[in-house]
Amino acid sequence: MDSENPPDAIRAVIADGDPHARRTIREALTSGGIAVVAEAADVDEAVALATFYHPDAVVIDVRLPGDGGLAATAQIHERSPGTCIVLLADAPDEDLGLRAIRAGASGYLARTLEPGVLQRVVRSAVEGEAAISRRLAMQLIESYRRAPRAGAGMRPVRSTLTDREWEVLDLLTSGARTEEIARTLVLSTETVRSHLKNLYRKLGVRSRDEAAEAARRMRDLVV
């Protein structure tokens, strides 16, 4: 941490494959008293640094070399859940923004923000505010309105399914296909198929319809 920053300064990691972009973001943050403790050039480096430093915030380029900013977000959120993650993109994309939020991001904004605005956005996100556009906020509201109600999300205490398998089952019950589940949970289709195979085995079923019915029966016991 820079000596000019107070001990209680917000600590941030920057993850961007472009050295010029990293420098621009660093200058924007440090000019506002935010301490940049490390910089990453790809997904693996970003995850490793976030896991090591457990910073208050990570600012990530959505096109981060490796598996991309969404993959980095999901991994950092899992390994350092107290870290606030803000993704920067070249242009607004509400679908990508929704996927970023589902992956664990607290913000998704255009990288063309003025330096002073970026400082405020990061500070606000660390303090618990969503750093998203009004348009994306409306998309989130619509997504919530469309969410299945019939007990989705309710999980029996003694279920043998893992949290991830329940997430997959929730989406399957709502009618999502394999590719949609993969996009929503920021997983590969192969990983989703593996989770489906495991939950089918645990539930003793052979199809999506049977799995959905089994989930409904299990939830009826906790309603």
Protein backbone atom coordinates (compact mmCIF):
# COMPACT_ATOMS: atom_id res chain seq x y z
CA MET A 1 0.00 0.00 0.00
CA ASP A 2 1.24 3.48 -0.77
CA SER A 3 2.57 5.34 2.26
CA GLU A 4 0.44 8.38 1.34
CA ASN A 5 -2.76 6.39 1.88
CA PRO A 6 -4.22 6.18 5.40
CA PRO A 7 -4.38 2.73 7.07
CA ASP A 8 -8.16 2.63 6.64
CA ALA A 9 -8.09 3.46 2.91
CA ILE A 10 -10.11 1.27 0.56
CA ARG A 11 -7.82 -1.40 -0.88
CA ALA A 12 -8.32 -2.38 -4.52
CA VAL A 13 -6.97 -4.77 -7.12
CA ILE A 14 -7.14 -3.91 -10.84
CA ALA A 15 -7.52 -6.69 -13.43
CA ASP A 16 -7.10 -5.70 -17.07
CA GLY A 17 -5.01 -7.16 -19.88
CA ASP A 18 -4.08 -3.71 -21.22
CA PRO A 19 -1.22 -1.98 -19.32
CA HIS A 20 -2.44 1.45 -20.44
CA ALA A 21 -5.96 0.70 -19.17
CA ARG A 22 -4.55 -0.50 -15.84
CA ARG A 23 -2.57 2.71 -15.48
CA THR A 24 -5.63 4.84 -16.27
CA ILE A 25 -7.76 2.99 -13.72
CA ARG A 26 -4.98 3.11 -11.12
CA GLU A 27 -4.61 6.88 -11.51
CA ALA A 28 -8.38 7.34 -11.27
CA LEU A 29 -8.58 5.33 -8.05
CA THR A 30 -5.45 6.59 -6.29
CA SER A 31 -6.32 10.21 -7.02
CA GLY A 32 -9.35 9.63 -4.82
CA GLY A 33 -7.44 8.05 -1.96
CA ILE A 34 -8.13 4.43 -2.93
CA ALA A 35 -5.05 2.24 -2.45
CA VAL A 36 -4.27 -0.07 -5.37
CA VAL A 37 -2.49 -3.02 -3.75
CA ALA A 38 -1.97 -5.10 -6.90
CA GLU A 39 -2.62 -5.36 -10.64
CA ALA A 40 -3.46 -8.44 -12.69
CA ALA A 41 -3.17 -9.06 -16.43
CA ASP A 42 -5.30 -12.21 -16.70
CA VAL A 43 -7.92 -14.30 -14.90
CA ASP A 44 -5.53 -16.60 -13.04
CA GLU A 45 -3.50 -13.68 -11.75
CA ALA A 46 -6.63 -11.77 -10.73
CA VAL A 47 -8.00 -14.71 -8.75
CA ALA A 48 -4.64 -15.39 -7.09
CA LEU A 49 -4.15 -11.76 -6.06
CA ALA A 50 -7.70 -11.36 -4.79
CA THR A 51 -7.37 -14.57 -2.79
CA PHE A 52 -4.07 -13.40 -1.32
CA TYR A 53 -4.98 -9.78 -0.51
CA HIS A 54 -8.75 -10.09 0.10
CA PRO A 55 -9.11 -6.46 -1.04
CA ASP A 56 -12.17 -4.31 -0.48
CA ALA A 57 -12.72 -4.07 -4.23
CA VAL A 58 -11.58 -5.55 -7.53
CA VAL A 59 -12.09 -3.64 -10.78
CA ILE A 60 -12.17 -6.10 -13.68
CA ASP A 61 -12.27 -5.74 -17.46
CA VAL A 62 -15.04 -7.96 -18.79
CA ARG A 63 -12.67 -9.09 -21.59
CA LEU A 64 -9.91 -10.09 -19.16
CA PRO A 65 -7.50 -12.53 -20.87
CA GLY A 66 -8.08 -16.11 -19.85
CA ASP A 67 -11.69 -17.16 -19.41
CA GLY A 68 -12.95 -13.56 -19.22
CA GLY A 69 -14.11 -11.18 -16.54
CA LEU A 70 -17.23 -13.21 -15.68
CA ALA A 71 -15.16 -16.28 -14.84
CA ALA A 72 -12.81 -14.16 -12.73
CA THR A 73 -15.79 -12.63 -10.94
CA ALA A 74 -17.31 -16.01 -10.08
CA GLN A 75 -14.03 -17.38 -8.75
CA ILE A 76 -13.16 -14.28 -6.73
CA HIS A 77 -16.67 -14.12 -5.28
CA GLU A 78 -16.34 -17.73 -4.15
CA ARG A 79 -12.85 -17.37 -2.65
CA SER A 80 -13.16 -13.85 -1.23
CA PRO A 81 -16.90 -13.24 -0.66
CA GLY A 82 -16.24 -10.01 1.23
CA THR A 83 -14.62 -8.41 -1.80
CA CYS A 84 -16.74 -6.04 -3.90
CA ILE A 85 -16.36 -6.65 -7.65
CA VAL A 86 -16.97 -4.02 -10.32
CA LEU A 87 -16.83 -5.03 -14.00
CA LEU A 88 -16.05 -2.53 -16.73
CA ALA A 89 -17.22 -3.02 -20.32
CA ASP A 90 -16.78 -1.07 -23.54
CA ALA A 91 -20.50 -0.80 -24.21
CA PRO A 92 -23.72 -1.44 -22.25
CA ASP A 93 -25.03 -5.00 -22.52
CA GLU A 94 -27.89 -5.75 -20.13
CA ASP A 95 -27.73 -9.52 -20.65
CA LEU A 96 -24.02 -9.55 -19.82
CA GLY A 97 -24.72 -7.25 -16.89
CA LEU A 98 -27.27 -9.69 -15.46
CA ARG A 99 -24.80 -12.53 -15.81
CA ALA A 100 -22.17 -10.43 -14.04
CA ILE A 101 -24.51 -9.79 -11.10
CA ARG A 102 -25.39 -13.48 -10.90
CA ALA A 103 -21.68 -14.33 -10.92
CA GLY A 104 -21.15 -12.14 -7.84
CA ALA A 105 -20.45 -8.64 -9.15
CA SER A 106 -21.68 -5.56 -7.29
CA GLY A 107 -21.29 -3.36 -10.34
CA TYR A 108 -21.27 -3.41 -14.12
CA LEU A 109 -20.51 -0.14 -15.88
CA ALA A 110 -18.98 1.39 -19.00
CA ARG A 111 -15.22 1.94 -18.86
CA THR A 112 -15.72 5.45 -20.26
CA LEU A 113 -16.57 6.76 -16.79
CA GLU A 114 -14.84 9.95 -15.73
CA PRO A 115 -12.08 9.33 -13.13
CA GLY A 116 -14.05 11.08 -10.39
CA VAL A 117 -17.12 8.99 -11.17
CA LEU A 118 -15.13 5.73 -11.02
CA GLN A 119 -13.82 6.66 -7.57
CA ARG A 120 -17.33 7.31 -6.29
CA VAL A 121 -18.68 4.14 -7.89
CA VAL A 122 -16.06 1.95 -6.21
CA ARG A 123 -16.55 3.65 -2.85
CA SER A 124 -20.32 3.30 -3.08
CA ALA A 125 -20.06 -0.36 -4.05
CA VAL A 126 -17.76 -1.09 -1.10
CA GLU A 127 -20.31 0.62 1.15
CA GLY A 128 -23.01 -1.73 -0.09
CA GLU A 129 -24.62 0.13 -2.98
CA ALA A 130 -25.20 -1.41 -6.40
CA ALA A 131 -22.99 0.12 -9.08
CA ILE A 132 -25.24 -0.42 -12.09
CA SER A 133 -27.08 1.66 -14.66
CA ARG A 134 -30.77 2.46 -14.29
CA ARG A 135 -31.49 0.34 -17.35
CA LEU A 136 -29.78 -2.69 -15.81
CA ALA A 137 -31.62 -2.06 -12.53
CA MET A 138 -34.90 -2.29 -14.45
CA GLN A 139 -33.75 -5.52 -16.07
CA LEU A 140 -33.04 -6.95 -12.62
CA ILE A 141 -36.52 -5.98 -11.47
CA GLU A 142 -38.08 -7.65 -14.51
CA SER A 143 -35.93 -10.74 -13.96
CA TYR A 144 -37.16 -10.94 -10.36
CA ARG A 145 -40.77 -10.57 -11.46
CA ARG A 146 -40.36 -13.46 -13.90
CA ALA A 147 -38.66 -15.69 -11.33
CA PRO A 148 -40.59 -18.89 -10.59
CA ARG A 149 -42.41 -18.82 -7.27
CA ALA A 150 -43.82 -22.31 -6.48
CA GLY A 151 -41.27 -22.97 -3.75
CA ALA A 152 -38.17 -22.43 -5.87
CA GLY A 153 -35.18 -21.81 -3.69
CA MET A 154 -36.57 -23.68 -0.67
CA ARG A 155 -34.21 -26.50 0.27
CA PRO A 156 -34.81 -29.38 2.67
CA VAL A 157 -32.31 -29.28 5.53
CA ARG A 158 -31.22 -32.90 5.03
CA SER A 159 -30.94 -32.84 1.26
CA THR A 160 -27.98 -34.72 -0.22
CA LEU A 161 -27.67 -32.17 -3.03
CA THR A 162 -24.90 -29.58 -2.88
CA ASP A 163 -25.69 -25.85 -3.07
CA ARG A 164 -24.57 -25.79 -6.71
CA GLU A 165 -26.73 -28.81 -7.57
CA TRP A 166 -29.72 -27.04 -6.01
CA GLU A 167 -28.98 -23.95 -8.13
CA VAL A 168 -28.96 -26.12 -11.23
CA LEU A 169 -32.15 -27.87 -10.11
CA ASP A 170 -33.88 -24.53 -9.40
CA LEU A 171 -33.18 -23.39 -12.95
CA LEU A 172 -34.12 -26.75 -14.43
CA THR A 173 -37.44 -26.61 -12.55
CA SER A 174 -38.13 -23.17 -14.02
CA GLY A 175 -37.72 -24.62 -17.52
CA ALA A 176 -34.18 -23.49 -18.32
CA ARG A 177 -32.20 -25.59 -20.80
CA THR A 178 -28.60 -26.68 -20.32
CA GLU A 179 -27.16 -23.71 -22.21
CA GLU A 180 -29.32 -21.24 -20.26
CA ILE A 181 -28.27 -22.78 -16.95
CA ALA A 182 -24.63 -22.50 -18.02
CA ARG A 183 -25.01 -18.82 -18.93
CA THR A 184 -26.89 -17.99 -15.74
CA LEU A 185 -24.42 -19.71 -13.40
CA VAL A 186 -21.36 -18.78 -15.49
CA LEU A 187 -20.40 -22.42 -16.00
CA SER A 188 -19.45 -24.50 -19.02
CA THR A 189 -22.17 -26.70 -20.52
CA GLU A 190 -20.01 -29.73 -19.68
CA THR A 191 -19.98 -28.73 -16.00
CA VAL A 192 -23.75 -28.28 -16.00
CA ARG A 193 -24.20 -31.74 -17.56
CA SER A 194 -21.98 -33.18 -14.82
CA HIS A 195 -24.11 -31.52 -12.12
CA LEU A 196 -27.28 -32.83 -13.80
CA LYS A 197 -25.87 -36.35 -13.88
CA ASN A 198 -25.00 -36.16 -10.18
CA LEU A 199 -28.34 -34.78 -9.07
CA TYR A 200 -30.23 -37.34 -11.21
CA ARG A 201 -28.29 -40.08 -9.42
CA LYS A 202 -28.94 -38.62 -5.98
CA LEU A 203 -32.65 -38.11 -6.66
CA GLY A 204 -33.03 -41.53 -8.28
CA VAL A 205 -34.51 -40.10 -11.49
CA ARG A 206 -33.75 -40.37 -15.19
CA SER A 207 -35.12 -37.20 -16.77
CA ARG A 208 -35.60 -33.46 -16.28
CA ASP A 209 -39.32 -33.87 -15.68
CA GLU A 210 -38.72 -36.51 -13.02
CA ALA A 211 -36.08 -34.32 -11.37
CA ALA A 212 -38.44 -31.32 -11.33
CA GLU A 213 -41.21 -33.45 -9.81
CA ALA A 214 -38.81 -34.81 -7.19
CA ALA A 215 -37.81 -31.26 -6.29
CA ARG A 216 -41.45 -30.23 -5.91
CA ARG A 217 -42.15 -33.21 -3.62
CA MET A 218 -39.11 -32.41 -1.47
CA ARG A 219 -40.18 -28.77 -1.17
CA ASP A 220 -43.73 -29.72 -0.24
CA LEU A 221 -42.24 -31.22 2.92
CA VAL A 222 -40.81 -27.87 4.05
CA VAL A 223 -43.71 -25.57 3.11
